[in-house]
PDB file of all heavy atoms in Angstrom:
ATOM      1  N   PRO A   1     -15.754 -52.511  25.585  1.00  0.00           N
ATOM      2  CA  PRO A   1     -14.919 -53.190  26.584  1.00  0.00           C
ATOM      3  C   PRO A   1     -13.470 -52.708  26.527  1.00  0.00           C
ATOM      4  O   PRO A   1     -12.942 -52.414  25.448  1.00  0.00           O
ATOM      5  CB  PRO A   1     -15.030 -54.663  26.178  1.00  0.00           C
ATOM      6  CG  PRO A   1     -16.293 -54.766  25.381  1.00  0.00           C
ATOM      7  CD  PRO A   1     -16.394 -53.458  24.658  1.00  0.00           C
ATOM      8  N   LEU A   2     -12.814 -52.661  27.670  1.00  0.00           N
ATOM      9  CA  LEU A   2     -11.416 -52.233  27.695  1.00  0.00           C
ATOM     10  C   LEU A   2     -10.491 -53.297  27.119  1.00  0.00           C
ATOM     11  O   LEU A   2      -9.346 -53.005  26.788  1.00  0.00           O
ATOM     12  CB  LEU A   2     -11.010 -51.886  29.129  1.00  0.00           C
ATOM     13  CG  LEU A   2     -11.849 -50.794  29.816  1.00  0.00           C
ATOM     14  CD1 LEU A   2     -11.269 -50.454  31.182  1.00  0.00           C
ATOM     15  CD2 LEU A   2     -11.939 -49.546  28.959  1.00  0.00           C
ATOM     16  N   GLY A   3     -11.006 -54.532  26.999  1.00  0.00           N
ATOM     17  CA  GLY A   3     -10.214 -55.598  26.390  1.00  0.00           C
ATOM     18  C   GLY A   3     -10.209 -55.582  24.872  1.00  0.00           C
ATOM     19  O   GLY A   3      -9.521 -56.404  24.248  1.00  0.00           O
ATOM     20  N   PHE A   4     -10.951 -54.676  24.265  1.00  0.00           N
ATOM     21  CA  PHE A   4     -11.010 -54.538  22.803  1.00  0.00           C
ATOM     22  C   PHE A   4      -9.586 -54.446  22.253  1.00  0.00           C
ATOM     23  O   PHE A   4      -8.864 -53.487  22.533  1.00  0.00           O
ATOM     24  CB  PHE A   4     -11.815 -53.278  22.472  1.00  0.00           C
ATOM     25  CG  PHE A   4     -11.972 -52.958  21.025  1.00  0.00           C
ATOM     26  CD1 PHE A   4     -12.716 -53.756  20.186  1.00  0.00           C
ATOM     27  CD2 PHE A   4     -11.396 -51.801  20.499  1.00  0.00           C
ATOM     28  CE1 PHE A   4     -12.886 -53.425  18.845  1.00  0.00           C
ATOM     29  CE2 PHE A   4     -11.551 -51.460  19.164  1.00  0.00           C
ATOM     30  CZ  PHE A   4     -12.302 -52.280  18.335  1.00  0.00           C
ATOM     31  N   PRO A   5      -9.129 -55.438  21.452  1.00  0.00           N
ATOM     32  CA  PRO A   5      -7.702 -55.523  21.127  1.00  0.00           C
ATOM     33  C   PRO A   5      -7.251 -54.827  19.852  1.00  0.00           C
ATOM     34  O   PRO A   5      -6.071 -54.891  19.508  1.00  0.00           O
ATOM     35  CB  PRO A   5      -7.497 -57.043  20.983  1.00  0.00           C
ATOM     36  CG  PRO A   5      -8.791 -57.529  20.420  1.00  0.00           C
ATOM     37  CD  PRO A   5      -9.865 -56.632  21.011  1.00  0.00           C
ATOM     38  N   PHE A   6      -8.143 -54.144  19.139  1.00  0.00           N
ATOM     39  CA  PHE A   6      -7.816 -53.658  17.800  1.00  0.00           C
ATOM     40  C   PHE A   6      -7.141 -52.291  17.702  1.00  0.00           C
ATOM     41  O   PHE A   6      -6.492 -52.006  16.691  1.00  0.00           O
ATOM     42  CB  PHE A   6      -9.078 -53.665  16.934  1.00  0.00           C
ATOM     43  CG  PHE A   6      -9.587 -55.039  16.637  1.00  0.00           C
ATOM     44  CD1 PHE A   6     -10.488 -55.664  17.493  1.00  0.00           C
ATOM     45  CD2 PHE A   6      -9.154 -55.735  15.523  1.00  0.00           C
ATOM     46  CE1 PHE A   6     -10.949 -56.947  17.235  1.00  0.00           C
ATOM     47  CE2 PHE A   6      -9.609 -57.018  15.252  1.00  0.00           C
ATOM     48  CZ  PHE A   6     -10.511 -57.627  16.116  1.00  0.00           C
ATOM     49  N   PRO A   7      -7.270 -51.394  18.685  1.00  0.00           N
ATOM     50  CA  PRO A   7      -6.631 -50.079  18.522  1.00  0.00           C
ATOM     51  C   PRO A   7      -5.126 -50.194  18.270  1.00  0.00           C
ATOM     52  O   PRO A   7      -4.455 -51.082  18.794  1.00  0.00           O
ATOM     53  CB  PRO A   7      -6.909 -49.394  19.872  1.00  0.00           C
ATOM     54  CG  PRO A   7      -8.161 -50.033  20.367  1.00  0.00           C
ATOM     55  CD  PRO A   7      -8.055 -51.465  19.936  1.00  0.00           C
ATOM     56  N   GLU A   8      -4.618 -49.290  17.438  1.00  0.00           N
ATOM     57  CA  GLU A   8      -3.197 -49.146  17.097  1.00  0.00           C
ATOM     58  C   GLU A   8      -2.685 -50.229  16.147  1.00  0.00           C
ATOM     59  O   GLU A   8      -1.567 -50.114  15.641  1.00  0.00           O
ATOM     60  CB  GLU A   8      -2.326 -49.098  18.356  1.00  0.00           C
ATOM     61  CG  GLU A   8      -2.716 -47.994  19.324  1.00  0.00           C
ATOM     62  CD  GLU A   8      -1.865 -48.001  20.584  1.00  0.00           C
ATOM     63  OE1 GLU A   8      -0.637 -48.166  20.483  1.00  0.00           O
ATOM     64  OE2 GLU A   8      -2.443 -47.832  21.691  1.00  0.00           O
ATOM     65  N   GLU A   9      -3.486 -51.250  15.871  1.00  0.00           N
ATOM     66  CA  GLU A   9      -3.050 -52.309  14.946  1.00  0.00           C
ATOM     67  C   GLU A   9      -3.027 -51.812  13.502  1.00  0.00           C
ATOM     68  O   GLU A   9      -2.441 -52.451  12.626  1.00  0.00           O
ATOM     69  CB  GLU A   9      -3.956 -53.534  15.062  1.00  0.00           C
ATOM     70  CG  GLU A   9      -3.949 -54.207  16.425  1.00  0.00           C
ATOM     71  CD  GLU A   9      -2.612 -54.832  16.784  1.00  0.00           C
ATOM     72  OE1 GLU A   9      -1.813 -55.115  15.855  1.00  0.00           O
ATOM     73  OE2 GLU A   9      -2.354 -55.049  17.985  1.00  0.00           O
ATOM     74  N   ASN A  10      -3.667 -50.667  13.236  1.00  0.00           N
ATOM     75  CA  ASN A  10      -3.698 -50.125  11.870  1.00  0.00           C
ATOM     76  C   ASN A  10      -2.527 -49.188  11.583  1.00  0.00           C
ATOM     77  O   ASN A  10      -2.449 -48.608  10.491  1.00  0.00           O
ATOM     78  CB  ASN A  10      -5.016 -49.388  11.619  1.00  0.00           C
ATOM     79  CG  ASN A  10      -5.301 -48.287  12.640  1.00  0.00           C
ATOM     80  OD1 ASN A  10      -4.412 -47.896  13.403  1.00  0.00           O
ATOM     81  ND2 ASN A  10      -6.531 -47.789  12.665  1.00  0.00           N
ATOM     82  N   LYS A  11      -1.623 -49.026  12.520  1.00  0.00           N
ATOM     83  CA  LYS A  11      -0.502 -48.098  12.339  1.00  0.00           C
ATOM     84  C   LYS A  11       0.313 -48.489  11.101  1.00  0.00           C
ATOM     85  O   LYS A  11       0.721 -49.635  10.940  1.00  0.00           O
ATOM     86  CB  LYS A  11       0.396 -48.098  13.569  1.00  0.00           C
ATOM     87  CG  LYS A  11       1.490 -47.038  13.532  1.00  0.00           C
ATOM     88  CD  LYS A  11       2.252 -46.988  14.842  1.00  0.00           C
ATOM     89  CE  LYS A  11       3.364 -45.936  14.825  1.00  0.00           C
ATOM     90  NZ  LYS A  11       2.849 -44.578  14.609  1.00  0.00           N
ATOM     91  N   GLY A  12       0.530 -47.533  10.223  1.00  0.00           N
ATOM     92  CA  GLY A  12       1.302 -47.765   9.004  1.00  0.00           C
ATOM     93  C   GLY A  12       0.490 -48.213   7.809  1.00  0.00           C
ATOM     94  O   GLY A  12       1.019 -48.295   6.693  1.00  0.00           O
ATOM     95  N   TYR A  13      -0.801 -48.478   8.014  1.00  0.00           N
ATOM     96  CA  TYR A  13      -1.613 -48.996   6.916  1.00  0.00           C
ATOM     97  C   TYR A  13      -1.790 -47.968   5.801  1.00  0.00           C
ATOM     98  O   TYR A  13      -1.555 -48.268   4.623  1.00  0.00           O
ATOM     99  CB  TYR A  13      -2.985 -49.444   7.437  1.00  0.00           C
ATOM    100  CG  TYR A  13      -3.906 -49.942   6.339  1.00  0.00           C
ATOM    101  CD1 TYR A  13      -3.877 -51.265   5.936  1.00  0.00           C
ATOM    102  CD2 TYR A  13      -4.798 -49.074   5.708  1.00  0.00           C
ATOM    103  CE1 TYR A  13      -4.710 -51.722   4.921  1.00  0.00           C
ATOM    104  CE2 TYR A  13      -5.635 -49.518   4.696  1.00  0.00           C
ATOM    105  CZ  TYR A  13      -5.591 -50.838   4.304  1.00  0.00           C
ATOM    106  OH  TYR A  13      -6.405 -51.275   3.286  1.00  0.00           O
ATOM    107  N   ILE A  14      -2.220 -46.773   6.140  1.00  0.00           N
ATOM    108  CA  ILE A  14      -2.588 -45.789   5.121  1.00  0.00           C
ATOM    109  C   ILE A  14      -1.395 -45.432   4.232  1.00  0.00           C
ATOM    110  O   ILE A  14      -1.505 -45.397   3.005  1.00  0.00           O
ATOM    111  CB  ILE A  14      -3.182 -44.530   5.760  1.00  0.00           C
ATOM    112  CG1 ILE A  14      -4.527 -44.865   6.415  1.00  0.00           C
ATOM    113  CG2 ILE A  14      -3.361 -43.417   4.730  1.00  0.00           C
ATOM    114  CD1 ILE A  14      -5.588 -45.339   5.447  1.00  0.00           C
ATOM    115  N   GLU A  15      -0.253 -45.170   4.823  1.00  0.00           N
ATOM    116  CA  GLU A  15       0.918 -44.754   4.052  1.00  0.00           C
ATOM    117  C   GLU A  15       1.754 -45.929   3.568  1.00  0.00           C
ATOM    118  O   GLU A  15       2.770 -45.730   2.885  1.00  0.00           O
ATOM    119  CB  GLU A  15       1.789 -43.816   4.901  1.00  0.00           C
ATOM    120  CG  GLU A  15       1.075 -42.540   5.324  1.00  0.00           C
ATOM    121  CD  GLU A  15       0.962 -41.512   4.208  1.00  0.00           C
ATOM    122  OE1 GLU A  15       0.347 -41.826   3.158  1.00  0.00           O
ATOM    123  OE2 GLU A  15       1.486 -40.404   4.364  1.00  0.00           O
ATOM    124  N   GLY A  16       1.334 -47.141   3.890  1.00  0.00           N
ATOM    125  CA  GLY A  16       2.100 -48.319   3.498  1.00  0.00           C
ATOM    126  C   GLY A  16       1.900 -48.698   2.044  1.00  0.00           C
ATOM    127  O   GLY A  16       0.902 -48.328   1.413  1.00  0.00           O
ATOM    128  N   ASP A  17       2.867 -49.456   1.501  1.00  0.00           N
ATOM    129  CA  ASP A  17       2.714 -49.983   0.143  1.00  0.00           C
ATOM    130  C   ASP A  17       1.733 -51.150   0.166  1.00  0.00           C
ATOM    131  O   ASP A  17       1.193 -51.519   1.217  1.00  0.00           O
ATOM    132  CB  ASP A  17       4.062 -50.374  -0.451  1.00  0.00           C
ATOM    133  CG  ASP A  17       4.793 -51.449   0.357  1.00  0.00           C
ATOM    134  OD1 ASP A  17       4.164 -52.098   1.227  1.00  0.00           O
ATOM    135  OD2 ASP A  17       6.005 -51.641   0.120  1.00  0.00           O
ATOM    136  N   ASP A  18       1.492 -51.747  -0.996  1.00  0.00           N
ATOM    137  CA  ASP A  18       0.485 -52.791  -1.084  1.00  0.00           C
ATOM    138  C   ASP A  18       0.822 -53.978  -0.194  1.00  0.00           C
ATOM    139  O   ASP A  18      -0.062 -54.539   0.476  1.00  0.00           O
ATOM    140  CB  ASP A  18       0.332 -53.246  -2.541  1.00  0.00           C
ATOM    141  CG  ASP A  18      -0.887 -54.133  -2.758  1.00  0.00           C
ATOM    142  OD1 ASP A  18      -1.986 -53.730  -2.329  1.00  0.00           O
ATOM    143  OD2 ASP A  18      -0.734 -55.225  -3.321  1.00  0.00           O
ATOM    144  N   ALA A  19       2.080 -54.361  -0.141  1.00  0.00           N
ATOM    145  CA  ALA A  19       2.485 -55.489   0.693  1.00  0.00           C
ATOM    146  C   ALA A  19       2.250 -55.188   2.172  1.00  0.00           C
ATOM    147  O   ALA A  19       1.800 -56.054   2.937  1.00  0.00           O
ATOM    148  CB  ALA A  19       3.952 -55.832   0.436  1.00  0.00           C
ATOM    149  N   THR A  20       2.562 -53.962   2.585  1.00  0.00           N
ATOM    150  CA  THR A  20       2.349 -53.566   3.979  1.00  0.00           C
ATOM    151  C   THR A  20       0.875 -53.611   4.330  1.00  0.00           C
ATOM    152  O   THR A  20       0.477 -54.119   5.389  1.00  0.00           O
ATOM    153  CB  THR A  20       2.904 -52.144   4.220  1.00  0.00           C
ATOM    154  OG1 THR A  20       4.309 -52.138   3.967  1.00  0.00           O
ATOM    155  CG2 THR A  20       2.635 -51.688   5.634  1.00  0.00           C
ATOM    156  N   ARG A  21       0.049 -53.105   3.439  1.00  0.00           N
ATOM    157  CA  ARG A  21      -1.387 -53.121   3.701  1.00  0.00           C
ATOM    158  C   ARG A  21      -1.922 -54.547   3.793  1.00  0.00           C
ATOM    159  O   ARG A  21      -2.746 -54.855   4.662  1.00  0.00           O
ATOM    160  CB  ARG A  21      -2.126 -52.343   2.607  1.00  0.00           C
ATOM    161  CG  ARG A  21      -1.957 -50.842   2.718  1.00  0.00           C
ATOM    162  CD  ARG A  21      -2.841 -50.119   1.727  1.00  0.00           C
ATOM    163  NE  ARG A  21      -2.767 -48.667   1.882  1.00  0.00           N
ATOM    164  CZ  ARG A  21      -3.464 -47.806   1.170  1.00  0.00           C
ATOM    165  NH1 ARG A  21      -4.305 -48.252   0.238  1.00  0.00           N
ATOM    166  NH2 ARG A  21      -3.344 -46.504   1.376  1.00  0.00           N
ATOM    167  N   GLN A  22      -1.472 -55.407   2.923  1.00  0.00           N
ATOM    168  CA  GLN A  22      -1.933 -56.786   2.975  1.00  0.00           C
ATOM    169  C   GLN A  22      -1.506 -57.458   4.275  1.00  0.00           C
ATOM    170  O   GLN A  22      -2.257 -58.246   4.866  1.00  0.00           O
ATOM    171  CB  GLN A  22      -1.416 -57.563   1.766  1.00  0.00           C
ATOM    172  CG  GLN A  22      -2.069 -57.144   0.458  1.00  0.00           C
ATOM    173  CD  GLN A  22      -1.765 -58.094  -0.680  1.00  0.00           C
ATOM    174  OE1 GLN A  22      -1.833 -59.304  -0.518  1.00  0.00           O
ATOM    175  NE2 GLN A  22      -1.414 -57.554  -1.841  1.00  0.00           N
ATOM    176  N   ARG A  23      -0.305 -57.142   4.743  1.00  0.00           N
ATOM    177  CA  ARG A  23       0.177 -57.724   6.000  1.00  0.00           C
ATOM    178  C   ARG A  23      -0.671 -57.242   7.175  1.00  0.00           C
ATOM    179  O   ARG A  23      -1.053 -58.038   8.043  1.00  0.00           O
ATOM    180  CB  ARG A  23       1.648 -57.350   6.214  1.00  0.00           C
ATOM    181  CG  ARG A  23       2.213 -57.790   7.568  1.00  0.00           C
ATOM    182  CD  ARG A  23       3.670 -57.412   7.727  1.00  0.00           C
ATOM    183  NE  ARG A  23       3.927 -55.988   7.527  1.00  0.00           N
ATOM    184  CZ  ARG A  23       3.664 -55.049   8.440  1.00  0.00           C
ATOM    185  NH1 ARG A  23       3.126 -55.372   9.614  1.00  0.00           N
ATOM    186  NH2 ARG A  23       3.940 -53.776   8.187  1.00  0.00           N
ATOM    187  N   ILE A  24      -0.980 -55.944   7.206  1.00  0.00           N
ATOM    188  CA  ILE A  24      -1.784 -55.396   8.303  1.00  0.00           C
ATOM    189  C   ILE A  24      -3.217 -55.925   8.234  1.00  0.00           C
ATOM    190  O   ILE A  24      -3.828 -56.243   9.266  1.00  0.00           O
ATOM    191  CB  ILE A  24      -1.746 -53.857   8.268  1.00  0.00           C
ATOM    192  CG1 ILE A  24      -0.323 -53.367   8.593  1.00  0.00           C
ATOM    193  CG2 ILE A  24      -2.750 -53.253   9.247  1.00  0.00           C
ATOM    194  CD1 ILE A  24      -0.116 -51.877   8.425  1.00  0.00           C
ATOM    195  N   ALA A  25      -3.753 -56.045   7.028  1.00  0.00           N
ATOM    196  CA  ALA A  25      -5.091 -56.615   6.877  1.00  0.00           C
ATOM    197  C   ALA A  25      -5.121 -58.060   7.358  1.00  0.00           C
ATOM    198  O   ALA A  25      -6.075 -58.492   8.020  1.00  0.00           O
ATOM    199  CB  ALA A  25      -5.547 -56.518   5.421  1.00  0.00           C
ATOM    200  N   ALA A  26      -4.074 -58.816   7.050  1.00  0.00           N
ATOM    201  CA  ALA A  26      -4.003 -60.208   7.491  1.00  0.00           C
ATOM    202  C   ALA A  26      -3.940 -60.300   9.009  1.00  0.00           C
ATOM    203  O   ALA A  26      -4.526 -61.210   9.620  1.00  0.00           O
ATOM    204  CB  ALA A  26      -2.786 -60.896   6.861  1.00  0.00           C
ATOM    205  N   LYS A  27      -3.228 -59.359   9.641  1.00  0.00           N
ATOM    206  CA  LYS A  27      -3.171 -59.335  11.108  1.00  0.00           C
ATOM    207  C   LYS A  27      -4.563 -59.071  11.683  1.00  0.00           C
ATOM    208  O   LYS A  27      -4.970 -59.711  12.672  1.00  0.00           O
ATOM    209  CB  LYS A  27      -2.193 -58.245  11.564  1.00  0.00           C
ATOM    210  CG  LYS A  27      -2.163 -58.011  13.073  1.00  0.00           C
ATOM    211  CD  LYS A  27      -1.587 -59.193  13.829  1.00  0.00           C
ATOM    212  CE  LYS A  27      -1.613 -58.970  15.358  1.00  0.00           C
ATOM    213  NZ  LYS A  27      -0.775 -57.841  15.788  1.00  0.00           N
ATOM    214  N   HIS A  28      -5.299 -58.164  11.073  1.00  0.00           N
ATOM    215  CA  HIS A  28      -6.660 -57.895  11.545  1.00  0.00           C
ATOM    216  C   HIS A  28      -7.563 -59.107  11.329  1.00  0.00           C
ATOM    217  O   HIS A  28      -8.424 -59.394  12.169  1.00  0.00           O
ATOM    218  CB  HIS A  28      -7.237 -56.672  10.827  1.00  0.00           C
ATOM    219  CG  HIS A  28      -6.755 -55.367  11.367  1.00  0.00           C
ATOM    220  ND1 HIS A  28      -5.505 -54.869  11.077  1.00  0.00           N
ATOM    221  CD2 HIS A  28      -7.346 -54.448  12.183  1.00  0.00           C
ATOM    222  CE1 HIS A  28      -5.352 -53.699  11.691  1.00  0.00           C
ATOM    223  NE2 HIS A  28      -6.454 -53.429  12.370  1.00  0.00           N
ATOM    224  N   ARG A  29      -7.372 -59.798  10.233  1.00  0.00           N
ATOM    225  CA  ARG A  29      -8.163 -61.011   9.992  1.00  0.00           C
ATOM    226  C   ARG A  29      -7.891 -62.045  11.076  1.00  0.00           C
ATOM    227  O   ARG A  29      -8.827 -62.633  11.636  1.00  0.00           O
ATOM    228  CB  ARG A  29      -7.828 -61.579   8.602  1.00  0.00           C
ATOM    229  CG  ARG A  29      -8.514 -62.905   8.294  1.00  0.00           C
ATOM    230  CD  ARG A  29      -8.122 -63.452   6.930  1.00  0.00           C
ATOM    231  NE  ARG A  29      -8.673 -64.781   6.712  1.00  0.00           N
ATOM    232  CZ  ARG A  29      -9.343 -65.173   5.653  1.00  0.00           C
ATOM    233  NH1 ARG A  29      -9.559 -64.317   4.676  1.00  0.00           N
ATOM    234  NH2 ARG A  29      -9.797 -66.404   5.553  1.00  0.00           N
ATOM    235  N   SER A  30      -6.620 -62.257  11.383  1.00  0.00           N
ATOM    236  CA  SER A  30      -6.266 -63.241  12.410  1.00  0.00           C
ATOM    237  C   SER A  30      -6.789 -62.819  13.775  1.00  0.00           C
ATOM    238  O   SER A  30      -7.265 -63.654  14.565  1.00  0.00           O
ATOM    239  CB  SER A  30      -4.745 -63.430  12.461  1.00  0.00           C
ATOM    240  OG  SER A  30      -4.282 -64.095  11.308  1.00  0.00           O
ATOM    241  N   LEU A  31      -6.715 -61.513  14.065  1.00  0.00           N
ATOM    242  CA  LEU A  31      -7.194 -61.016  15.346  1.00  0.00           C
ATOM    243  C   LEU A  31      -8.711 -61.197  15.468  1.00  0.00           C
ATOM    244  O   LEU A  31      -9.231 -61.530  16.547  1.00  0.00           O
ATOM    245  CB  LEU A  31      -6.814 -59.538  15.475  1.00  0.00           C
ATOM    246  CG  LEU A  31      -6.679 -58.924  16.877  1.00  0.00           C
ATOM    247  CD1 LEU A  31      -5.691 -59.709  17.731  1.00  0.00           C
ATOM    248  CD2 LEU A  31      -6.242 -57.468  16.763  1.00  0.00           C
ATOM    249  N   THR A  32      -9.415 -61.009  14.357  1.00  0.00           N
ATOM    250  CA  THR A  32     -10.872 -61.175  14.347  1.00  0.00           C
ATOM    251  C   THR A  32     -11.263 -62.636  14.502  1.00  0.00           C
ATOM    252  O   THR A  32     -12.100 -62.986  15.348  1.00  0.00           O
ATOM    253  CB  THR A  32     -11.454 -60.610  13.035  1.00  0.00           C
ATOM    254  OG1 THR A  32     -11.072 -59.241  12.890  1.00  0.00           O
ATOM    255  CG2 THR A  32     -12.963 -60.727  13.017  1.00  0.00           C
ATOM    256  N   LEU A  33     -10.676 -63.495  13.688  1.00  0.00           N
ATOM    257  CA  LEU A  33     -10.967 -64.924  13.802  1.00  0.00           C
ATOM    258  C   LEU A  33     -10.497 -65.467  15.144  1.00  0.00           C
ATOM    259  O   LEU A  33     -11.122 -66.376  15.713  1.00  0.00           O
ATOM    260  CB  LEU A  33     -10.307 -65.687  12.654  1.00  0.00           C
ATOM    261  CG  LEU A  33     -10.914 -65.461  11.270  1.00  0.00           C
ATOM    262  CD1 LEU A  33     -10.058 -66.142  10.194  1.00  0.00           C
ATOM    263  CD2 LEU A  33     -12.347 -65.985  11.216  1.00  0.00           C
ATOM    264  N   GLY A  34      -9.400 -64.913  15.650  1.00  0.00           N
ATOM    265  CA  GLY A  34      -8.904 -65.336  16.951  1.00  0.00           C
ATOM    266  C   GLY A  34      -9.891 -65.042  18.064  1.00  0.00           C
ATOM    267  O   GLY A  34     -10.064 -65.842  18.994  1.00  0.00           O
TER     268      GLY A  34
END
């Protein structure tokens, strides 16, 4: 579906520090549960 909301939400994850990764993972969790 074109409404699939997850693309680009992972930007900065790979090169991010542990705190950055946890923040991005939490955003994905909220987006999924949402």
